[in-house]
Amino acid sequence: MCRALAARWGVVDVPGGRKLHAEPTPLLGGVAVYLAFAAATILWLRPVVPIQMVLLLAGAAVFGAIGIIDDIWEAGAWKLVVEAIVVSLIVWIGGFQVSLPWPWAGQILAVLWIVGVANAMNCLDCTDGMASGVVVVAGLALAAVAIAMGRLGVAVAAFSVVGAALGFLRYNFPPARIFLGDTGSLMLGFLLGGLSAALAAPEVTGLWIAPLLVLSVPVVDFVLVHLRRYRRDMRHPLRVITSTGRDHLPHRLLDTGLSSTQAVAHVYRLCALTGASALALVLWGPGAAALPILVLLAPTGIARWRHMIGPDGPVRTWRSAARVLDASRSRTLAAAGASLDREDDSWD
């Protein structure tokens, strides 16, 4: 229905510029995702604090509305101001805050985190199936972390997000027949940011980093890209914040020659590893949390080692080691000879 309405109303994403699709594609997929999420949470969620569910649904609706405006009229920096105001009200009324020694600092961090995750997911949605698939993987990880923490209400809400995104992914996986648009990517980013902030509440002492770790892939990509852009254009920070380009993680993967399907699979795996690390942190502590990260880094290290040494690397490595040993032995013999000469001189 949303695809038909988007085509009828002309709410389509036209190819060109940094965009990767070849044909005009309907937007408004985020409307369908929101309706699925709202239906699931209203039917199944029995929250301990009803106001938080209301705020979650209302905030997602506002972020979706901001996304619709951005899809149709290309909203500028003002949307960030509106997002910050909306999230500040939600954090203040709902009591969301990240576990920090100072409550006001925890509330500020919660606002920055939720707005940042929403926009990071919006930026990551630059190829078919990317944002919706990442939401499925990250949402499953958040649900698992919530169950491990005993926060079943958050787990049900996270499963609702996963179900809505997974149902949409059928139509959005390459080649996509409909896009999330800013409507869906901002809204899903807000939901994941809000749920992770709920899991990072003050009562979860010592484990608040785990839900933040689940969303580290889109957030780190967002931060690094904007830092690079800021270094190129330090005189216009506001323009940097709202700028677009082909320098996000999916673009870089595609530039290496990967197909869209391969690129999204790579990012899914990254998110699965960070999610596994977060769950291991909750269940078994920091030492276990490092294991998935090592699994992530090991292939890169092996590939770089093979690239450095090349096909005849073992032979060259052995010869280099032999040269080093020969040089060391020569220096040792020379030093021993000099010592004997000094001893002969002393006898004389």
C-alpha atoms as a PDB file:
ATOM      1  CA  MET A   1       0.000   0.000   0.000  1.00  0.00           C
ATOM      2  CA  CYS A   2       2.754   2.443   0.881  1.00  0.00           C
ATOM      3  CA  ARG A   3       4.576   1.661  -2.357  1.00  0.00           C
ATOM      4  CA  ALA A   4       1.413   2.323  -4.367  1.00  0.00           C
ATOM      5  CA  LEU A   5       0.698   5.552  -2.469  1.00  0.00           C
ATOM      6  CA  ALA A   6       4.285   6.791  -2.889  1.00  0.00           C
ATOM      7  CA  ALA A   7       4.112   6.157  -6.651  1.00  0.00           C
ATOM      8  CA  ARG A   8       0.727   7.873  -6.872  1.00  0.00           C
ATOM      9  CA  TRP A   9       1.811  10.932  -4.894  1.00  0.00           C
ATOM     10  CA  GLY A  10       5.205  11.170  -6.567  1.00  0.00           C
ATOM     11  CA  VAL A  11       7.163  10.487  -3.373  1.00  0.00           C
ATOM     12  CA  VAL A  12       9.968   8.640  -5.156  1.00  0.00           C
ATOM     13  CA  ASP A  13      13.749   8.662  -4.953  1.00  0.00           C
ATOM     14  CA  VAL A  14      15.089   9.789  -8.310  1.00  0.00           C
ATOM     15  CA  PRO A  15      18.539   8.476  -9.368  1.00  0.00           C
ATOM     16  CA  GLY A  16      21.476  10.859  -9.624  1.00  0.00           C
ATOM     17  CA  GLY A  17      24.431  12.282  -7.721  1.00  0.00           C
ATOM     18  CA  ARG A  18      25.601  10.040  -4.874  1.00  0.00           C
ATOM     19  CA  LYS A  19      22.582   7.717  -5.236  1.00  0.00           C
ATOM     20  CA  LEU A  20      23.260   4.158  -6.339  1.00  0.00           C
ATOM     21  CA  HIS A  21      19.922   2.984  -7.768  1.00  0.00           C
ATOM     22  CA  ALA A  22      19.199   3.188 -11.482  1.00  0.00           C
ATOM     23  CA  GLU A  23      15.402   3.682 -11.523  1.00  0.00           C
ATOM     24  CA  PRO A  24      12.994   5.917  -9.559  1.00  0.00           C
ATOM     25  CA  THR A  25      12.033   3.978  -6.439  1.00  0.00           C
ATOM     26  CA  PRO A  26       9.057   4.667  -4.132  1.00  0.00           C
ATOM     27  CA  LEU A  27       9.742   5.945  -0.645  1.00  0.00           C
ATOM     28  CA  LEU A  28       7.431   5.870   2.423  1.00  0.00           C
ATOM     29  CA  GLY A  29       8.516   2.377   3.417  1.00  0.00           C
ATOM     30  CA  GLY A  30       9.066   3.812   6.875  1.00  0.00           C
ATOM     31  CA  VAL A  31       5.312   4.402   7.238  1.00  0.00           C
ATOM     32  CA  ALA A  32       4.634   0.672   6.846  1.00  0.00           C
ATOM     33  CA  VAL A  33       7.417  -0.172   9.293  1.00  0.00           C
ATOM     34  CA  TYR A  34       6.046   2.255  11.889  1.00  0.00           C
ATOM     35  CA  LEU A  35       2.516   0.852  11.627  1.00  0.00           C
ATOM     36  CA  ALA A  36       3.853  -2.708  12.069  1.00  0.00           C
ATOM     37  CA  PHE A  37       5.937  -1.685  15.090  1.00  0.00           C
ATOM     38  CA  ALA A  38       3.058   0.260  16.685  1.00  0.00           C
ATOM     39  CA  ALA A  39       0.629  -2.622  16.229  1.00  0.00           C
ATOM     40  CA  ALA A  40       3.051  -5.139  17.758  1.00  0.00           C
ATOM     41  CA  THR A  41       3.916  -3.006  20.781  1.00  0.00           C
ATOM     42  CA  ILE A  42       0.303  -2.055  21.513  1.00  0.00           C
ATOM     43  CA  LEU A  43      -0.835  -5.697  21.296  1.00  0.00           C
ATOM     44  CA  TRP A  44       1.998  -7.376  23.180  1.00  0.00           C
ATOM     45  CA  LEU A  45       3.926  -4.932  25.330  1.00  0.00           C
ATOM     46  CA  ARG A  46       2.900  -4.620  28.962  1.00  0.00           C
ATOM     47  CA  PRO A  47       5.306  -1.938  30.159  1.00  0.00           C
ATOM     48  CA  VAL A  48       6.215  -1.347  33.757  1.00  0.00           C
ATOM     49  CA  VAL A  49       6.115   2.394  33.053  1.00  0.00           C
ATOM     50  CA  PRO A  50       3.270   3.064  30.552  1.00  0.00           C
ATOM     51  CA  ILE A  51       4.472   6.615  29.896  1.00  0.00           C
ATOM     52  CA  GLN A  52       7.679   5.279  28.372  1.00  0.00           C
ATOM     53  CA  MET A  53       5.763   3.231  25.776  1.00  0.00           C
ATOM     54  CA  VAL A  54       3.665   6.253  24.887  1.00  0.00           C
ATOM     55  CA  LEU A  55       6.791   8.378  24.554  1.00  0.00           C
ATOM     56  CA  LEU A  56       8.457   5.708  22.396  1.00  0.00           C
ATOM     57  CA  LEU A  57       5.506   5.564  19.992  1.00  0.00           C
ATOM     58  CA  ALA A  58       5.058   9.340  19.946  1.00  0.00           C
ATOM     59  CA  GLY A  59       8.766  10.005  19.412  1.00  0.00           C
ATOM     60  CA  ALA A  60       8.938   7.474  16.580  1.00  0.00           C
ATOM     61  CA  ALA A  61       5.932   9.155  14.953  1.00  0.00           C
ATOM     62  CA  VAL A  62       7.563  12.589  15.197  1.00  0.00           C
ATOM     63  CA  PHE A  63      10.843  11.322  13.747  1.00  0.00           C
ATOM     64  CA  GLY A  64       8.896   9.637  10.953  1.00  0.00           C
ATOM     65  CA  ALA A  65       7.098  12.898  10.220  1.00  0.00           C
ATOM     66  CA  ILE A  66      10.424  14.764  10.108  1.00  0.00           C
ATOM     67  CA  GLY A  67      11.650  12.114   7.682  1.00  0.00           C
ATOM     68  CA  ILE A  68       8.607  12.528   5.422  1.00  0.00           C
ATOM     69  CA  ILE A  69       9.227  16.277   5.265  1.00  0.00           C
ATOM     70  CA  ASP A  70      12.893  15.624   4.486  1.00  0.00           C
ATOM     71  CA  ASP A  71      11.966  13.112   1.759  1.00  0.00           C
ATOM     72  CA  ILE A  72       9.637  15.582   0.040  1.00  0.00           C
ATOM     73  CA  TRP A  73      11.229  18.999   0.616  1.00  0.00           C
ATOM     74  CA  GLU A  74      14.866  18.281   1.586  1.00  0.00           C
ATOM     75  CA  ALA A  75      14.846  19.701   5.114  1.00  0.00           C
ATOM     76  CA  GLY A  76      18.045  21.384   6.220  1.00  0.00           C
ATOM     77  CA  ALA A  77      19.760  21.779   9.560  1.00  0.00           C
ATOM     78  CA  TRP A  78      16.517  22.775  11.280  1.00  0.00           C
ATOM     79  CA  LYS A  79      15.513  19.120  11.504  1.00  0.00           C
ATOM     80  CA  LEU A  80      18.420  18.509  13.919  1.00  0.00           C
ATOM     81  CA  VAL A  81      17.101  21.278  16.177  1.00  0.00           C
ATOM     82  CA  VAL A  82      13.600  19.773  16.152  1.00  0.00           C
ATOM     83  CA  GLU A  83      15.006  16.302  16.829  1.00  0.00           C
ATOM     84  CA  ALA A  84      17.057  17.584  19.766  1.00  0.00           C
ATOM     85  CA  ILE A  85      14.026  19.375  21.263  1.00  0.00           C
ATOM     86  CA  VAL A  86      11.777  16.312  20.881  1.00  0.00           C
ATOM     87  CA  VAL A  87      14.345  13.929  22.370  1.00  0.00           C
ATOM     88  CA  SER A  88      15.096  16.340  25.249  1.00  0.00           C
ATOM     89  CA  LEU A  89      11.398  16.350  26.178  1.00  0.00           C
ATOM     90  CA  ILE A  90      11.220  12.558  25.954  1.00  0.00           C
ATOM     91  CA  VAL A  91      14.333  12.114  28.099  1.00  0.00           C
ATOM     92  CA  TRP A  92      13.060  14.598  30.690  1.00  0.00           C
ATOM     93  CA  ILE A  93       9.499  13.229  30.908  1.00  0.00           C
ATOM     94  CA  GLY A  94      10.385   9.538  30.606  1.00  0.00           C
ATOM     95  CA  GLY A  95      13.405   9.585  32.875  1.00  0.00           C
ATOM     96  CA  PHE A  96      15.821   8.206  30.287  1.00  0.00           C
ATOM     97  CA  GLN A  97      19.489   8.722  31.057  1.00  0.00           C
ATOM     98  CA  VAL A  98      22.803   6.962  30.632  1.00  0.00           C
ATOM     99  CA  SER A  99      24.440   5.648  33.798  1.00  0.00           C
ATOM    100  CA  LEU A 100      26.906   8.368  34.829  1.00  0.00           C
ATOM    101  CA  PRO A 101      27.844   9.787  38.257  1.00  0.00           C
ATOM    102  CA  TRP A 102      26.084  13.062  37.401  1.00  0.00           C
ATOM    103  CA  PRO A 103      22.378  12.731  36.422  1.00  0.00           C
ATOM    104  CA  TRP A 104      22.345  15.841  34.233  1.00  0.00           C
ATOM    105  CA  ALA A 105      25.362  14.539  32.302  1.00  0.00           C
ATOM    106  CA  GLY A 106      23.596  11.205  31.831  1.00  0.00           C
ATOM    107  CA  GLN A 107      20.548  12.993  30.425  1.00  0.00           C
ATOM    108  CA  ILE A 108      22.633  15.104  28.044  1.00  0.00           C
ATOM    109  CA  LEU A 109      24.474  12.003  26.850  1.00  0.00           C
ATOM    110  CA  ALA A 110      21.140  10.220  26.329  1.00  0.00           C
ATOM    111  CA  VAL A 111      19.880  13.092  24.144  1.00  0.00           C
ATOM    112  CA  LEU A 112      23.089  13.180  22.090  1.00  0.00           C
ATOM    113  CA  TRP A 113      23.086   9.391  21.789  1.00  0.00           C
ATOM    114  CA  ILE A 114      19.479   9.057  20.582  1.00  0.00           C
ATOM    115  CA  VAL A 115      19.755  11.915  18.076  1.00  0.00           C
ATOM    116  CA  GLY A 116      23.147  10.623  16.933  1.00  0.00           C
ATOM    117  CA  VAL A 117      21.942   7.030  16.413  1.00  0.00           C
ATOM    118  CA  ALA A 118      18.902   8.254  14.469  1.00  0.00           C
ATOM    119  CA  ASN A 119      21.045  10.270  12.074  1.00  0.00           C
ATOM    120  CA  ALA A 120      23.754   7.593  11.887  1.00  0.00           C
ATOM    121  CA  MET A 121      21.132   5.095  10.715  1.00  0.00           C
ATOM    122  CA  ASN A 122      19.865   7.673   8.231  1.00  0.00           C
ATOM    123  CA  CYS A 123      23.379   8.061   6.797  1.00  0.00           C
ATOM    124  CA  LEU A 124      23.935   4.294   6.681  1.00  0.00           C
ATOM    125  CA  ASP A 125      20.804   3.842   4.558  1.00  0.00           C
ATOM    126  CA  CYS A 126      22.624   4.412   1.270  1.00  0.00           C
ATOM    127  CA  THR A 127      22.236   1.052  -0.473  1.00  0.00           C
ATOM    128  CA  ASP A 128      19.489  -1.538  -0.792  1.00  0.00           C
ATOM    129  CA  GLY A 129      18.765  -3.489   2.366  1.00  0.00           C
ATOM    130  CA  MET A 130      21.454  -1.789   4.428  1.00  0.00           C
ATOM    131  CA  ALA A 131      19.602   0.083   7.188  1.00  0.00           C
ATOM    132  CA  SER A 132      16.693  -2.346   7.518  1.00  0.00           C
ATOM    133  CA  GLY A 133      19.065  -5.341   7.770  1.00  0.00           C
ATOM    134  CA  VAL A 134      21.298  -3.590  10.292  1.00  0.00           C
ATOM    135  CA  VAL A 135      18.200  -2.827  12.378  1.00  0.00           C
ATOM    136  CA  VAL A 136      17.257  -6.523  12.321  1.00  0.00           C
ATOM    137  CA  VAL A 137      20.721  -7.619  13.488  1.00  0.00           C
ATOM    138  CA  ALA A 138      21.162  -4.842  16.056  1.00  0.00           C
ATOM    139  CA  GLY A 139      17.597  -5.241  17.317  1.00  0.00           C
ATOM    140  CA  LEU A 140      18.118  -8.970  17.918  1.00  0.00           C
ATOM    141  CA  ALA A 141      21.312  -8.175  19.825  1.00  0.00           C
ATOM    142  CA  LEU A 142      19.525  -5.529  21.919  1.00  0.00           C
ATOM    143  CA  ALA A 143      16.724  -7.983  22.684  1.00  0.00           C
ATOM    144  CA  ALA A 144      19.253 -10.620  23.798  1.00  0.00           C
ATOM    145  CA  VAL A 145      21.091  -8.078  25.974  1.00  0.00           C
ATOM    146  CA  ALA A 146      17.773  -6.924  27.465  1.00  0.00           C
ATOM    147  CA  ILE A 147      16.791 -10.506  28.341  1.00  0.00           C
ATOM    148  CA  ALA A 148      20.205 -11.078  29.935  1.00  0.00           C
ATOM    149  CA  MET A 149      19.681  -7.925  32.007  1.00  0.00           C
ATOM    150  CA  GLY A 150      16.149  -8.944  33.002  1.00  0.00           C
ATOM    151  CA  ARG A 151      14.558  -6.027  31.104  1.00  0.00           C
ATOM    152  CA  LEU A 152      11.752  -7.967  29.384  1.00  0.00           C
ATOM    153  CA  GLY A 153       9.763  -4.866  28.409  1.00  0.00           C
ATOM    154  CA  VAL A 154      12.701  -3.524  26.422  1.00  0.00           C
ATOM    155  CA  ALA A 155      13.184  -6.984  24.895  1.00  0.00           C
ATOM    156  CA  VAL A 156       9.571  -7.093  23.645  1.00  0.00           C
ATOM    157  CA  ALA A 157       9.917  -3.598  22.129  1.00  0.00           C
ATOM    158  CA  ALA A 158      13.198  -4.602  20.477  1.00  0.00           C
ATOM    159  CA  PHE A 159      11.594  -7.762  19.026  1.00  0.00           C
ATOM    160  CA  SER A 160       8.786  -5.554  17.680  1.00  0.00           C
ATOM    161  CA  VAL A 161      11.340  -3.382  15.890  1.00  0.00           C
ATOM    162  CA  VAL A 162      13.039  -6.504  14.523  1.00  0.00           C
ATOM    163  CA  GLY A 163       9.766  -7.956  13.226  1.00  0.00           C
ATOM    164  CA  ALA A 164       8.752  -4.727  11.503  1.00  0.00           C
ATOM    165  CA  ALA A 165      12.174  -4.274   9.892  1.00  0.00           C
ATOM    166  CA  LEU A 166      12.405  -7.952   8.876  1.00  0.00           C
ATOM    167  CA  GLY A 167       9.007  -7.833   7.189  1.00  0.00           C
ATOM    168  CA  PHE A 168      10.111  -4.758   5.264  1.00  0.00           C
ATOM    169  CA  LEU A 169      13.500  -6.255   4.355  1.00  0.00           C
ATOM    170  CA  ARG A 170      11.718  -8.683   2.008  1.00  0.00           C
ATOM    171  CA  TYR A 171      10.882  -5.724  -0.246  1.00  0.00           C
ATOM    172  CA  ASN A 172      14.053  -3.748   0.423  1.00  0.00           C
ATOM    173  CA  PHE A 173      16.790  -6.365  -0.063  1.00  0.00           C
ATOM    174  CA  PRO A 174      18.751  -5.891  -3.312  1.00  0.00           C
ATOM    175  CA  PRO A 175      17.241  -5.128  -5.752  1.00  0.00           C
ATOM    176  CA  ALA A 176      14.898  -2.961  -3.642  1.00  0.00           C
ATOM    177  CA  ARG A 177      11.287  -2.377  -4.676  1.00  0.00           C
ATOM    178  CA  ILE A 178      10.711   0.317  -2.035  1.00  0.00           C
ATOM    179  CA  PHE A 179      12.982   2.393   0.199  1.00  0.00           C
ATOM    180  CA  LEU A 180      12.739   3.257   3.867  1.00  0.00           C
ATOM    181  CA  GLY A 181      13.435   6.871   3.046  1.00  0.00           C
ATOM    182  CA  ASP A 182      14.374   9.298   5.789  1.00  0.00           C
ATOM    183  CA  THR A 183      10.948   8.461   7.226  1.00  0.00           C
ATOM    184  CA  GLY A 184      12.003   4.941   8.123  1.00  0.00           C
ATOM    185  CA  SER A 185      15.725   5.332   8.747  1.00  0.00           C
ATOM    186  CA  LEU A 186      15.287   8.232  11.194  1.00  0.00           C
ATOM    187  CA  MET A 187      12.383   6.496  12.925  1.00  0.00           C
ATOM    188  CA  LEU A 188      14.179   3.144  13.286  1.00  0.00           C
ATOM    189  CA  GLY A 189      17.351   4.912  14.440  1.00  0.00           C
ATOM    190  CA  PHE A 190      15.325   6.745  17.087  1.00  0.00           C
ATOM    191  CA  LEU A 191      13.803   3.477  18.311  1.00  0.00           C
ATOM    192  CA  LEU A 192      17.151   1.695  18.570  1.00  0.00           C
ATOM    193  CA  GLY A 193      18.726   4.737  20.236  1.00  0.00           C
ATOM    194  CA  GLY A 194      15.869   5.007  22.726  1.00  0.00           C
ATOM    195  CA  LEU A 195      15.883   1.301  23.596  1.00  0.00           C
ATOM    196  CA  SER A 196      19.656   1.227  24.030  1.00  0.00           C
ATOM    197  CA  ALA A 197      19.459   4.324  26.239  1.00  0.00           C
ATOM    198  CA  ALA A 198      16.804   2.566  28.347  1.00  0.00           C
ATOM    199  CA  LEU A 199      19.212  -0.347  28.820  1.00  0.00           C
ATOM    200  CA  ALA A 200      21.994   2.059  29.808  1.00  0.00           C
ATOM    201  CA  ALA A 201      19.976   3.420  32.737  1.00  0.00           C
ATOM    202  CA  PRO A 202      21.613   4.134  36.131  1.00  0.00           C
ATOM    203  CA  GLU A 203      20.298   0.914  37.722  1.00  0.00           C
ATOM    204  CA  VAL A 204      22.380  -1.105  35.240  1.00  0.00           C
ATOM    205  CA  THR A 205      25.663  -0.316  36.979  1.00  0.00           C
ATOM    206  CA  GLY A 206      28.797  -1.397  35.155  1.00  0.00           C
ATOM    207  CA  LEU A 207      26.992  -2.776  32.073  1.00  0.00           C
ATOM    208  CA  TRP A 208      25.755   0.411  30.446  1.00  0.00           C
ATOM    209  CA  ILE A 209      28.414   0.181  27.732  1.00  0.00           C
ATOM    210  CA  ALA A 210      26.897  -3.083  26.385  1.00  0.00           C
ATOM    211  CA  PRO A 211      23.800  -1.626  24.643  1.00  0.00           C
ATOM    212  CA  LEU A 212      25.922   1.188  23.247  1.00  0.00           C
ATOM    213  CA  LEU A 213      28.369  -1.365  21.855  1.00  0.00           C
ATOM    214  CA  VAL A 214      25.544  -3.007  19.873  1.00  0.00           C
ATOM    215  CA  LEU A 215      25.170   0.142  17.736  1.00  0.00           C
ATOM    216  CA  SER A 216      28.866   0.956  17.440  1.00  0.00           C
ATOM    217  CA  VAL A 217      29.124   0.201  13.698  1.00  0.00           C
ATOM    218  CA  PRO A 218      26.705   2.901  12.418  1.00  0.00           C
ATOM    219  CA  VAL A 219      27.805   5.353  15.122  1.00  0.00           C
ATOM    220  CA  VAL A 220      31.547   4.980  14.454  1.00  0.00           C
ATOM    221  CA  ASP A 221      30.931   5.280  10.707  1.00  0.00           C
ATOM    222  CA  PHE A 222      28.889   8.457  11.274  1.00  0.00           C
ATOM    223  CA  VAL A 223      31.525  10.030  13.543  1.00  0.00           C
ATOM    224  CA  LEU A 224      34.536   9.200  11.338  1.00  0.00           C
ATOM    225  CA  VAL A 225      32.864  10.424   8.141  1.00  0.00           C
ATOM    226  CA  HIS A 226      31.892  13.759   9.669  1.00  0.00           C
ATOM    227  CA  LEU A 227      35.317  14.209  11.243  1.00  0.00           C
ATOM    228  CA  ARG A 228      36.896  13.739   7.820  1.00  0.00           C
ATOM    229  CA  ARG A 229      34.452  16.194   6.280  1.00  0.00           C
ATOM    230  CA  TYR A 230      35.095  18.704   9.062  1.00  0.00           C
ATOM    231  CA  ARG A 231      38.852  18.514   8.464  1.00  0.00           C
ATOM    232  CA  ARG A 232      38.248  19.322   4.797  1.00  0.00           C
ATOM    233  CA  ASP A 233      35.915  22.239   5.543  1.00  0.00           C
ATOM    234  CA  MET A 234      36.594  23.612   9.023  1.00  0.00           C
ATOM    235  CA  ARG A 235      35.159  27.026   8.215  1.00  0.00           C
ATOM    236  CA  HIS A 236      31.576  25.777   7.742  1.00  0.00           C
ATOM    237  CA  PRO A 237      30.744  23.311  10.546  1.00  0.00           C
ATOM    238  CA  LEU A 238      26.966  23.631  10.032  1.00  0.00           C
ATOM    239  CA  ARG A 239      27.308  22.735   6.362  1.00  0.00           C
ATOM    240  CA  VAL A 240      29.459  19.750   7.337  1.00  0.00           C
ATOM    241  CA  ILE A 241      26.737  18.429   9.676  1.00  0.00           C
ATOM    242  CA  THR A 242      24.096  18.469   6.928  1.00  0.00           C
ATOM    243  CA  SER A 243      26.388  17.501   4.044  1.00  0.00           C
ATOM    244  CA  THR A 244      26.076  14.285   2.045  1.00  0.00           C
ATOM    245  CA  GLY A 245      28.564  12.283   0.033  1.00  0.00           C
ATOM    246  CA  ARG A 246      29.820   8.886  -1.099  1.00  0.00           C
ATOM    247  CA  ASP A 247      32.187   8.299   1.816  1.00  0.00           C
ATOM    248  CA  HIS A 248      30.205   6.142   4.238  1.00  0.00           C
ATOM    249  CA  LEU A 249      31.059   2.509   4.958  1.00  0.00           C
ATOM    250  CA  PRO A 250      28.661   1.027   2.348  1.00  0.00           C
ATOM    251  CA  HIS A 251      30.091   3.331  -0.343  1.00  0.00           C
ATOM    252  CA  ARG A 252      33.645   2.337   0.528  1.00  0.00           C
ATOM    253  CA  LEU A 253      32.766  -1.353   0.391  1.00  0.00           C
ATOM    254  CA  LEU A 254      31.138  -0.892  -3.017  1.00  0.00           C
ATOM    255  CA  ASP A 255      34.193   1.022  -4.246  1.00  0.00           C
ATOM    256  CA  THR A 256      36.324  -2.051  -3.533  1.00  0.00           C
ATOM    257  CA  GLY A 257      34.343  -3.958  -6.162  1.00  0.00           C
ATOM    258  CA  LEU A 258      31.780  -5.688  -3.925  1.00  0.00           C
ATOM    259  CA  SER A 259      28.186  -6.035  -5.075  1.00  0.00           C
ATOM    260  CA  SER A 260      25.329  -4.535  -3.056  1.00  0.00           C
ATOM    261  CA  THR A 261      24.504  -7.946  -1.604  1.00  0.00           C
ATOM    262  CA  GLN A 262      28.119  -8.557  -0.583  1.00  0.00           C
ATOM    263  CA  ALA A 263      28.416  -5.072   0.958  1.00  0.00           C
ATOM    264  CA  VAL A 264      25.306  -5.463   3.104  1.00  0.00           C
ATOM    265  CA  ALA A 265      26.453  -8.956   4.159  1.00  0.00           C
ATOM    266  CA  HIS A 266      29.795  -7.493   5.338  1.00  0.00           C
ATOM    267  CA  VAL A 267      28.057  -4.831   7.429  1.00  0.00           C
ATOM    268  CA  TYR A 268      25.595  -7.384   8.833  1.00  0.00           C
ATOM    269  CA  ARG A 269      28.529  -9.493  10.015  1.00  0.00           C
ATOM    270  CA  LEU A 270      30.192  -6.483  11.651  1.00  0.00           C
ATOM    271  CA  CYS A 271      26.993  -5.651  13.537  1.00  0.00           C
ATOM    272  CA  ALA A 272      26.541  -9.296  14.552  1.00  0.00           C
ATOM    273  CA  LEU A 273      30.064  -9.381  16.002  1.00  0.00           C
ATOM    274  CA  THR A 274      29.600  -6.172  18.007  1.00  0.00           C
ATOM    275  CA  GLY A 275      26.232  -7.490  19.207  1.00  0.00           C
ATOM    276  CA  ALA A 276      27.847 -10.769  20.272  1.00  0.00           C
ATOM    277  CA  SER A 277      30.540  -8.797  22.079  1.00  0.00           C
ATOM    278  CA  ALA A 278      27.889  -6.814  23.965  1.00  0.00           C
ATOM    279  CA  LEU A 279      26.030  -9.973  24.988  1.00  0.00           C
ATOM    280  CA  ALA A 280      29.280 -11.630  26.095  1.00  0.00           C
ATOM    281  CA  LEU A 281      30.073  -8.547  28.183  1.00  0.00           C
ATOM    282  CA  VAL A 282      26.763  -8.853  30.024  1.00  0.00           C
ATOM    283  CA  LEU A 283      26.977 -12.629  30.528  1.00  0.00           C
ATOM    284  CA  TRP A 284      30.680 -13.250  31.178  1.00  0.00           C
ATOM    285  CA  GLY A 285      32.486  -9.932  31.589  1.00  0.00           C
ATOM    286  CA  PRO A 286      35.045  -7.835  29.668  1.00  0.00           C
ATOM    287  CA  GLY A 287      37.397 -10.710  28.876  1.00  0.00           C
ATOM    288  CA  ALA A 288      34.715 -12.621  26.997  1.00  0.00           C
ATOM    289  CA  ALA A 289      33.610  -9.426  25.242  1.00  0.00           C
ATOM    290  CA  ALA A 290      37.035  -9.167  23.602  1.00  0.00           C
ATOM    291  CA  LEU A 291      36.738 -12.534  21.842  1.00  0.00           C
ATOM    292  CA  PRO A 292      34.282 -11.422  19.100  1.00  0.00           C
ATOM    293  CA  ILE A 293      36.441  -8.346  18.494  1.00  0.00           C
ATOM    294  CA  LEU A 294      39.466 -10.593  18.006  1.00  0.00           C
ATOM    295  CA  VAL A 295      37.430 -12.670  15.546  1.00  0.00           C
ATOM    296  CA  LEU A 296      36.654  -9.428  13.731  1.00  0.00           C
ATOM    297  CA  LEU A 297      40.266  -8.252  13.614  1.00  0.00           C
ATOM    298  CA  ALA A 298      41.948 -11.595  12.875  1.00  0.00           C
ATOM    299  CA  PRO A 299      41.017 -11.827   9.147  1.00  0.00           C
ATOM    300  CA  THR A 300      42.172  -8.256   8.591  1.00  0.00           C
ATOM    301  CA  GLY A 301      45.501  -8.943  10.306  1.00  0.00           C
ATOM    302  CA  ILE A 302      46.047 -12.157   8.352  1.00  0.00           C
ATOM    303  CA  ALA A 303      45.192 -10.437   5.071  1.00  0.00           C
ATOM    304  CA  ARG A 304      47.602  -7.591   5.787  1.00  0.00           C
ATOM    305  CA  TRP A 305      50.345 -10.042   6.769  1.00  0.00           C
ATOM    306  CA  ARG A 306      49.864 -11.970   3.536  1.00  0.00           C
ATOM    307  CA  HIS A 307      49.861  -8.724   1.572  1.00  0.00           C
ATOM    308  CA  MET A 308      53.113  -7.647   3.226  1.00  0.00           C
ATOM    309  CA  ILE A 309      55.019 -10.860   2.741  1.00  0.00           C
ATOM    310  CA  GLY A 310      53.612 -11.773  -0.720  1.00  0.00           C
ATOM    311  CA  PRO A 311      53.668 -15.224  -2.357  1.00  0.00           C
ATOM    312  CA  ASP A 312      57.379 -15.761  -1.650  1.00  0.00           C
ATOM    313  CA  GLY A 313      57.038 -14.236   1.790  1.00  0.00           C
ATOM    314  CA  PRO A 314      58.118 -17.224   3.891  1.00  0.00           C
ATOM    315  CA  VAL A 315      61.364 -17.564   1.888  1.00  0.00           C
ATOM    316  CA  ARG A 316      62.069 -13.837   2.143  1.00  0.00           C
ATOM    317  CA  THR A 317      61.183 -13.824   5.821  1.00  0.00           C
ATOM    318  CA  TRP A 318      63.574 -16.751   6.473  1.00  0.00           C
ATOM    319  CA  ARG A 319      66.366 -15.043   4.533  1.00  0.00           C
ATOM    320  CA  SER A 320      65.803 -11.769   6.396  1.00  0.00           C
ATOM    321  CA  ALA A 321      65.909 -13.613   9.727  1.00  0.00           C
ATOM    322  CA  ALA A 322      69.110 -15.397   8.646  1.00  0.00           C
ATOM    323  CA  ARG A 323      70.707 -12.060   7.718  1.00  0.00           C
ATOM    324  CA  VAL A 324      69.738 -10.613  11.085  1.00  0.00           C
ATOM    325  CA  LEU A 325      71.233 -13.637  12.899  1.00  0.00           C
ATOM    326  CA  ASP A 326      74.450 -13.441  10.842  1.00  0.00           C
ATOM    327  CA  ALA A 327      74.805  -9.741  11.574  1.00  0.00           C
ATOM    328  CA  SER A 328      74.176 -10.339  15.270  1.00  0.00           C
ATOM    329  CA  ARG A 329      76.735 -13.163  15.376  1.00  0.00           C
ATOM    330  CA  SER A 330      79.325 -10.990  13.588  1.00  0.00           C
ATOM    331  CA  ARG A 331      78.792  -8.177  16.093  1.00  0.00           C
ATOM    332  CA  THR A 332      79.114 -10.629  18.975  1.00  0.00           C
ATOM    333  CA  LEU A 333      82.382 -12.066  17.613  1.00  0.00           C
ATOM    334  CA  ALA A 334      83.760  -8.596  16.992  1.00  0.00           C
ATOM    335  CA  ALA A 335      82.898  -7.563  20.540  1.00  0.00           C
ATOM    336  CA  ALA A 336      84.521 -10.729  21.912  1.00  0.00           C
ATOM    337  CA  GLY A 337      87.684 -10.070  19.867  1.00  0.00           C
ATOM    338  CA  ALA A 338      87.873  -6.513  21.132  1.00  0.00           C
ATOM    339  CA  SER A 339      87.511  -7.763  24.692  1.00  0.00           C
ATOM    340  CA  LEU A 340      90.361 -10.278  24.219  1.00  0.00           C
ATOM    341  CA  ASP A 341      92.577  -7.550  22.778  1.00  0.00           C
ATOM    342  CA  ARG A 342      91.915  -5.411  25.842  1.00  0.00           C
ATOM    343  CA  GLU A 343      92.759  -8.333  28.138  1.00  0.00           C
ATOM    344  CA  ASP A 344      96.048  -8.968  26.246  1.00  0.00           C
ATOM    345  CA  ASP A 345      96.919  -5.311  26.639  1.00  0.00           C
ATOM    346  CA  SER A 346      96.293  -5.538  30.376  1.00  0.00           C
ATOM    347  CA  TRP A 347      98.607  -8.569  30.677  1.00  0.00           C
ATOM    348  CA  ASP A 348     101.300  -6.673  28.855  1.00  0.00           C
END
